[in-house]
């Protein structure tokens, strides 16, 4: 997406009802903050438009549930398991 050039976007939730999901979202955000990466957080449960946007990006039908977190670097999806690797993350996020 052109509008995301030079940006890191994190689809997440601050809703703590599902503890594991909340903890994973916090972990990803903390890793990015530790790496001093500026990112835009989009909470899928507070904004239905954001949920629709993520469904379209992931090509998930409305009837299926969405799991978070999801990270996009300059419009490209980054596997969450990859962000847990410091060396890969710093390589991918270099200069952003």
N, C-alpha and C. Protein backbone atom coordinates (compact mmCIF):
# COMPACT_ATOMS: atom_id res chain seq x y z
N UNK A 1 0.84 -1.18 0.00
CA UNK A 1 0.00 0.00 0.00
C UNK A 1 0.89 1.24 0.00
N UNK A 2 0.64 2.12 -0.94
CA UNK A 2 1.46 3.32 -1.06
C UNK A 2 1.38 4.23 0.15
N UNK A 3 0.21 4.31 0.77
CA UNK A 3 0.05 5.20 1.91
C UNK A 3 0.82 4.73 3.13
N UNK A 4 1.34 3.50 3.08
CA UNK A 4 2.09 2.96 4.20
C UNK A 4 3.59 2.95 3.95
N UNK A 5 4.05 3.64 2.93
CA UNK A 5 5.48 3.71 2.65
C UNK A 5 6.20 4.33 3.84
N UNK A 6 7.22 3.65 4.33
CA UNK A 6 7.99 4.15 5.46
C UNK A 6 7.31 3.98 6.81
N UNK A 7 6.22 3.19 6.85
CA UNK A 7 5.48 3.02 8.10
C UNK A 7 5.44 1.57 8.55
N UNK A 8 5.30 1.42 9.84
CA UNK A 8 5.03 0.12 10.44
C UNK A 8 3.64 0.20 11.04
N UNK A 9 2.77 -0.72 10.66
CA UNK A 9 1.39 -0.76 11.15
C UNK A 9 1.19 -2.06 11.91
N UNK A 10 0.67 -1.94 13.13
CA UNK A 10 0.42 -3.11 13.96
C UNK A 10 -1.08 -3.21 14.22
N UNK A 11 -1.69 -4.31 13.75
CA UNK A 11 -3.08 -4.59 14.06
C UNK A 11 -3.08 -5.36 15.37
N UNK A 12 -3.82 -4.86 16.33
CA UNK A 12 -3.74 -5.39 17.68
C UNK A 12 -5.07 -5.23 18.38
N UNK A 13 -5.08 -5.54 19.66
CA UNK A 13 -6.22 -5.24 20.52
C UNK A 13 -5.72 -4.89 21.91
N UNK A 14 -6.42 -4.00 22.54
CA UNK A 14 -6.16 -3.66 23.94
C UNK A 14 -7.21 -4.28 24.84
N UNK A 15 -8.08 -5.09 24.25
CA UNK A 15 -9.13 -5.79 24.98
C UNK A 15 -8.51 -6.98 25.69
N UNK A 16 -8.49 -6.96 27.01
CA UNK A 16 -7.81 -7.98 27.78
C UNK A 16 -8.63 -9.21 28.13
N UNK A 17 -9.79 -9.38 27.51
CA UNK A 17 -10.66 -10.51 27.84
C UNK A 17 -9.99 -11.84 27.47
N UNK A 18 -9.38 -11.89 26.30
CA UNK A 18 -8.65 -13.09 25.90
C UNK A 18 -7.19 -12.82 26.21
N UNK A 19 -6.77 -13.31 27.36
CA UNK A 19 -5.45 -12.97 27.92
C UNK A 19 -4.30 -13.28 26.98
N UNK A 20 -4.29 -14.46 26.37
CA UNK A 20 -3.17 -14.84 25.50
C UNK A 20 -3.03 -13.88 24.32
N UNK A 21 -4.13 -13.53 23.69
CA UNK A 21 -4.11 -12.59 22.57
C UNK A 21 -3.59 -11.23 23.02
N UNK A 22 -4.09 -10.76 24.14
CA UNK A 22 -3.65 -9.48 24.69
C UNK A 22 -2.15 -9.51 24.97
N UNK A 23 -1.67 -10.59 25.58
CA UNK A 23 -0.24 -10.70 25.91
C UNK A 23 0.63 -10.73 24.65
N UNK A 24 0.17 -11.42 23.61
CA UNK A 24 0.91 -11.45 22.35
C UNK A 24 0.98 -10.06 21.73
N UNK A 25 -0.12 -9.34 21.77
CA UNK A 25 -0.14 -7.98 21.23
C UNK A 25 0.82 -7.08 22.01
N UNK A 26 0.80 -7.19 23.33
CA UNK A 26 1.70 -6.38 24.16
C UNK A 26 3.16 -6.74 23.89
N UNK A 27 3.43 -8.02 23.70
CA UNK A 27 4.80 -8.47 23.44
C UNK A 27 5.34 -7.86 22.15
N UNK A 28 4.53 -7.90 21.10
CA UNK A 28 4.95 -7.34 19.82
C UNK A 28 5.18 -5.83 19.94
N UNK A 29 4.27 -5.14 20.59
CA UNK A 29 4.43 -3.69 20.76
C UNK A 29 5.66 -3.37 21.59
N UNK A 30 5.93 -4.15 22.63
CA UNK A 30 7.11 -3.92 23.46
C UNK A 30 8.40 -4.17 22.69
N UNK A 31 8.42 -5.18 21.84
CA UNK A 31 9.60 -5.44 21.02
C UNK A 31 9.86 -4.25 20.10
N UNK A 32 8.82 -3.76 19.45
CA UNK A 32 8.98 -2.61 18.55
C UNK A 32 9.45 -1.38 19.32
N UNK A 33 8.89 -1.16 20.50
CA UNK A 33 9.32 -0.01 21.31
C UNK A 33 10.78 -0.16 21.74
N UNK A 34 11.18 -1.37 22.11
CA UNK A 34 12.56 -1.62 22.50
C UNK A 34 13.52 -1.34 21.35
N UNK A 35 13.08 -1.67 20.13
CA UNK A 35 13.89 -1.40 18.94
C UNK A 35 13.79 0.05 18.48
N UNK A 36 13.02 0.87 19.23
CA UNK A 36 12.79 2.28 18.91
C UNK A 36 12.15 2.48 17.53
N UNK A 37 11.25 1.56 17.21
CA UNK A 37 10.52 1.63 15.94
C UNK A 37 9.22 2.38 16.17
N UNK A 38 9.00 3.41 15.40
CA UNK A 38 7.71 4.11 15.46
C UNK A 38 6.70 3.28 14.68
N UNK A 39 5.52 3.10 15.28
CA UNK A 39 4.50 2.31 14.61
C UNK A 39 3.13 2.91 14.86
N UNK A 40 2.23 2.59 13.95
CA UNK A 40 0.84 2.99 14.07
C UNK A 40 0.06 1.78 14.54
N UNK A 41 -0.62 1.92 15.66
CA UNK A 41 -1.41 0.83 16.20
C UNK A 41 -2.86 0.97 15.75
N UNK A 42 -3.41 -0.13 15.25
CA UNK A 42 -4.81 -0.15 14.83
C UNK A 42 -5.52 -1.27 15.60
N UNK A 43 -6.41 -0.87 16.50
CA UNK A 43 -7.12 -1.81 17.35
C UNK A 43 -8.36 -2.32 16.63
N UNK A 44 -8.39 -3.62 16.35
CA UNK A 44 -9.48 -4.17 15.54
C UNK A 44 -10.80 -4.28 16.30
N UNK A 45 -10.75 -4.28 17.62
CA UNK A 45 -11.99 -4.43 18.39
C UNK A 45 -12.63 -3.09 18.76
N UNK A 46 -11.87 -2.03 18.71
CA UNK A 46 -12.43 -0.71 19.01
C UNK A 46 -13.01 -0.04 17.77
N UNK A 47 -12.57 -0.48 16.60
CA UNK A 47 -12.99 0.17 15.37
C UNK A 47 -13.37 -0.88 14.33
N UNK A 48 -14.66 -1.01 14.02
CA UNK A 48 -15.11 -2.00 13.04
C UNK A 48 -14.50 -1.78 11.64
N UNK A 49 -14.20 -0.53 11.31
CA UNK A 49 -13.58 -0.25 10.00
C UNK A 49 -12.18 -0.87 9.92
N UNK A 50 -11.46 -0.84 11.02
CA UNK A 50 -10.12 -1.44 11.07
C UNK A 50 -10.23 -2.95 10.93
N UNK A 51 -11.23 -3.55 11.57
CA UNK A 51 -11.45 -4.99 11.45
C UNK A 51 -11.73 -5.37 10.00
N UNK A 52 -12.57 -4.59 9.33
CA UNK A 52 -12.87 -4.83 7.92
C UNK A 52 -11.62 -4.69 7.07
N UNK A 53 -10.83 -3.66 7.35
CA UNK A 53 -9.58 -3.44 6.62
C UNK A 53 -8.65 -4.65 6.75
N UNK A 54 -8.49 -5.17 7.97
CA UNK A 54 -7.62 -6.32 8.18
C UNK A 54 -8.18 -7.57 7.50
N UNK A 55 -9.49 -7.76 7.56
CA UNK A 55 -10.11 -8.90 6.88
C UNK A 55 -9.79 -8.86 5.39
N UNK A 56 -9.88 -7.68 4.80
CA UNK A 56 -9.58 -7.54 3.37
C UNK A 56 -8.11 -7.83 3.08
N UNK A 57 -7.22 -7.34 3.93
CA UNK A 57 -5.79 -7.57 3.72
C UNK A 57 -5.43 -9.05 3.84
N UNK A 58 -6.07 -9.74 4.78
CA UNK A 58 -5.79 -11.15 5.01
C UNK A 58 -6.66 -12.08 4.17
N UNK A 59 -7.63 -11.48 3.46
CA UNK A 59 -8.59 -12.22 2.64
C UNK A 59 -9.35 -13.26 3.48
N UNK A 60 -9.87 -12.79 4.62
CA UNK A 60 -10.64 -13.64 5.54
C UNK A 60 -12.12 -13.27 5.42
N UNK A 61 -13.00 -14.26 5.17
CA UNK A 61 -14.44 -13.96 5.09
C UNK A 61 -14.98 -13.43 6.42
N UNK A 62 -16.08 -12.70 6.35
CA UNK A 62 -16.70 -12.12 7.54
C UNK A 62 -17.08 -13.16 8.58
N UNK A 63 -17.37 -14.37 8.14
CA UNK A 63 -17.82 -15.40 9.08
C UNK A 63 -16.68 -15.97 9.93
N UNK A 64 -15.45 -15.77 9.52
CA UNK A 64 -14.31 -16.30 10.27
C UNK A 64 -13.76 -15.27 11.24
N UNK A 65 -13.20 -15.75 12.34
CA UNK A 65 -12.62 -14.83 13.33
C UNK A 65 -11.22 -14.41 12.90
N UNK A 66 -10.78 -13.29 13.45
CA UNK A 66 -9.47 -12.75 13.15
C UNK A 66 -8.61 -12.87 14.40
N UNK A 67 -7.39 -13.33 14.21
CA UNK A 67 -6.45 -13.34 15.32
C UNK A 67 -5.48 -12.18 15.15
N UNK A 68 -5.01 -11.66 16.24
CA UNK A 68 -4.02 -10.59 16.23
C UNK A 68 -2.91 -10.99 17.18
N UNK A 69 -1.75 -10.43 17.07
CA UNK A 69 -1.35 -9.27 16.29
C UNK A 69 -0.92 -9.62 14.87
N UNK A 70 -0.97 -8.61 14.00
CA UNK A 70 -0.44 -8.67 12.64
C UNK A 70 0.39 -7.41 12.44
N UNK A 71 1.56 -7.58 11.84
CA UNK A 71 2.47 -6.46 11.63
C UNK A 71 2.72 -6.30 10.14
N UNK A 72 2.63 -5.06 9.66
CA UNK A 72 2.94 -4.73 8.28
C UNK A 72 4.04 -3.69 8.27
N UNK A 73 5.08 -3.95 7.49
CA UNK A 73 6.20 -3.02 7.32
C UNK A 73 6.16 -2.53 5.89
N UNK A 74 5.93 -1.24 5.72
CA UNK A 74 5.79 -0.63 4.39
C UNK A 74 4.78 -1.38 3.53
N UNK A 75 3.69 -1.81 4.16
CA UNK A 75 2.62 -2.50 3.44
C UNK A 75 2.83 -3.98 3.27
N UNK A 76 3.97 -4.50 3.69
CA UNK A 76 4.26 -5.93 3.56
C UNK A 76 4.04 -6.63 4.89
N UNK A 77 3.33 -7.76 4.85
CA UNK A 77 3.04 -8.51 6.07
C UNK A 77 4.32 -9.11 6.63
N UNK A 78 4.51 -9.00 7.94
CA UNK A 78 5.65 -9.58 8.63
C UNK A 78 5.12 -10.61 9.61
N UNK A 79 5.56 -11.84 9.47
CA UNK A 79 5.11 -12.90 10.37
C UNK A 79 5.48 -12.54 11.80
N UNK A 80 4.55 -12.69 12.72
CA UNK A 80 4.79 -12.32 14.11
C UNK A 80 5.93 -13.14 14.68
N UNK A 81 6.04 -14.41 14.29
CA UNK A 81 7.14 -15.23 14.82
C UNK A 81 8.48 -14.67 14.37
N UNK A 82 8.53 -13.98 13.23
CA UNK A 82 9.77 -13.38 12.75
C UNK A 82 10.19 -12.19 13.60
N UNK A 83 9.22 -11.46 14.11
CA UNK A 83 9.55 -10.27 14.89
C UNK A 83 10.19 -10.63 16.22
N UNK A 84 10.00 -11.87 16.66
CA UNK A 84 10.61 -12.30 17.91
C UNK A 84 12.12 -12.52 17.76
N UNK A 85 12.58 -12.58 16.53
CA UNK A 85 14.01 -12.72 16.28
C UNK A 85 14.61 -11.34 16.12
N UNK A 86 15.43 -10.93 17.06
CA UNK A 86 15.97 -9.58 17.07
C UNK A 86 16.74 -9.27 15.80
N UNK A 87 17.58 -10.19 15.34
CA UNK A 87 18.40 -9.90 14.18
C UNK A 87 17.55 -9.72 12.93
N UNK A 88 16.55 -10.57 12.73
CA UNK A 88 15.68 -10.42 11.58
C UNK A 88 14.88 -9.15 11.67
N UNK A 89 14.36 -8.84 12.85
CA UNK A 89 13.56 -7.64 13.02
C UNK A 89 14.39 -6.39 12.74
N UNK A 90 15.58 -6.34 13.27
CA UNK A 90 16.39 -5.14 13.08
C UNK A 90 16.78 -5.00 11.62
N UNK A 91 16.97 -6.13 10.92
CA UNK A 91 17.28 -6.07 9.50
C UNK A 91 16.08 -5.55 8.71
N UNK A 92 14.89 -6.10 8.98
CA UNK A 92 13.69 -5.70 8.26
C UNK A 92 13.26 -4.28 8.59
N UNK A 93 13.50 -3.83 9.81
CA UNK A 93 13.01 -2.54 10.23
C UNK A 93 14.07 -1.45 10.12
N UNK A 94 15.23 -1.79 9.60
CA UNK A 94 16.32 -0.83 9.48
C UNK A 94 15.89 0.35 8.62
N UNK A 95 16.04 1.51 9.15
CA UNK A 95 15.76 2.72 8.40
C UNK A 95 14.33 3.20 8.45
N UNK A 96 13.48 2.51 9.17
CA UNK A 96 12.08 2.95 9.26
C UNK A 96 11.89 3.76 10.51
